[in-house]
C-alpha atoms as a PDB file:
ATOM      1  CA  MET A   1      37.844 -49.706 -22.872  1.00  0.00           C
ATOM      2  CA  LEU A   2      36.204 -49.742 -26.277  1.00  0.00           C
ATOM      3  CA  TRP A   3      35.932 -46.455 -28.173  1.00  0.00           C
ATOM      4  CA  GLY A   4      35.360 -45.201 -31.685  1.00  0.00           C
ATOM      5  CA  VAL A   5      33.309 -43.050 -34.046  1.00  0.00           C
ATOM      6  CA  THR A   6      30.147 -44.098 -35.873  1.00  0.00           C
ATOM      7  CA  ASP A   7      29.574 -43.375 -39.569  1.00  0.00           C
ATOM      8  CA  GLU A   8      27.312 -40.499 -38.468  1.00  0.00           C
ATOM      9  CA  GLY A   9      30.089 -38.867 -36.416  1.00  0.00           C
ATOM     10  CA  LEU A  10      29.007 -39.858 -32.895  1.00  0.00           C
ATOM     11  CA  ARG A  11      31.996 -40.516 -30.679  1.00  0.00           C
ATOM     12  CA  TYR A  12      31.520 -43.233 -28.082  1.00  0.00           C
ATOM     13  CA  ALA A  13      33.379 -44.895 -25.244  1.00  0.00           C
ATOM     14  CA  ILE A  14      32.300 -48.018 -23.393  1.00  0.00           C
ATOM     15  CA  ARG A  15      33.921 -49.289 -20.228  1.00  0.00           C
ATOM     16  CA  GLN A  16      32.831 -52.480 -18.535  1.00  0.00           C
ATOM     17  CA  ARG A  17      33.588 -53.553 -14.978  1.00  0.00           C
ATOM     18  CA  PRO A  18      33.267 -57.338 -15.172  1.00  0.00           C
ATOM     19  CA  ALA A  19      33.563 -57.890 -11.425  1.00  0.00           C
ATOM     20  CA  SER A  20      30.493 -55.749 -10.704  1.00  0.00           C
ATOM     21  CA  GLY A  21      28.471 -56.312 -13.876  1.00  0.00           C
ATOM     22  CA  VAL A  22      28.325 -52.545 -14.454  1.00  0.00           C
ATOM     23  CA  ALA A  23      29.059 -50.844 -17.778  1.00  0.00           C
ATOM     24  CA  TYR A  24      29.517 -47.147 -18.608  1.00  0.00           C
ATOM     25  CA  CYS A  25      28.754 -45.645 -21.993  1.00  0.00           C
ATOM     26  CA  ALA A  26      29.559 -42.089 -23.090  1.00  0.00           C
ATOM     27  CA  LEU A  27      28.353 -40.431 -26.302  1.00  0.00           C
ATOM     28  CA  THR A  28      29.570 -37.102 -27.634  1.00  0.00           C
ATOM     29  CA  ILE A  29      28.658 -35.168 -30.730  1.00  0.00           C
ATOM     30  CA  GLY A  30      30.477 -32.364 -32.513  1.00  0.00           C
ATOM     31  CA  GLY A  31      27.707 -29.815 -32.145  1.00  0.00           C
ATOM     32  CA  GLY A  32      24.342 -28.942 -30.713  1.00  0.00           C
ATOM     33  CA  THR A  33      21.000 -28.020 -32.181  1.00  0.00           C
ATOM     34  CA  ARG A  34      22.591 -25.188 -34.184  1.00  0.00           C
ATOM     35  CA  ALA A  35      24.615 -27.757 -36.127  1.00  0.00           C
ATOM     36  CA  GLU A  36      21.777 -30.231 -36.541  1.00  0.00           C
ATOM     37  CA  GLU A  37      21.676 -29.766 -40.325  1.00  0.00           C
ATOM     38  CA  GLU A  38      24.997 -31.653 -40.351  1.00  0.00           C
ATOM     39  CA  LEU A  39      23.672 -34.450 -38.100  1.00  0.00           C
ATOM     40  CA  PRO A  40      20.740 -36.836 -38.513  1.00  0.00           C
ATOM     41  CA  GLU A  41      17.529 -35.094 -37.383  1.00  0.00           C
ATOM     42  CA  GLY A  42      16.993 -35.322 -33.625  1.00  0.00           C
ATOM     43  CA  THR A  43      20.566 -36.400 -32.791  1.00  0.00           C
ATOM     44  CA  ALA A  44      21.337 -33.469 -30.475  1.00  0.00           C
ATOM     45  CA  HIS A  45      18.074 -33.930 -28.564  1.00  0.00           C
ATOM     46  CA  PHE A  46      18.609 -37.708 -28.261  1.00  0.00           C
ATOM     47  CA  VAL A  47      22.135 -37.320 -26.862  1.00  0.00           C
ATOM     48  CA  GLU A  48      20.963 -34.583 -24.487  1.00  0.00           C
ATOM     49  CA  GLN A  49      18.329 -36.898 -22.996  1.00  0.00           C
ATOM     50  CA  CYS A  50      20.625 -39.896 -22.516  1.00  0.00           C
END
């Protein structure tokens, strides 16, 4: 499993299942639309729609 935090504060985890060719990606942020002034504009909405 590969995981980390981007410069913008998005936490991510990626898990690949080589035998099936399937990969899973999870993104989390430290806030919602109320905290958007601390995040790049539109981040909360983008993560919500993923």
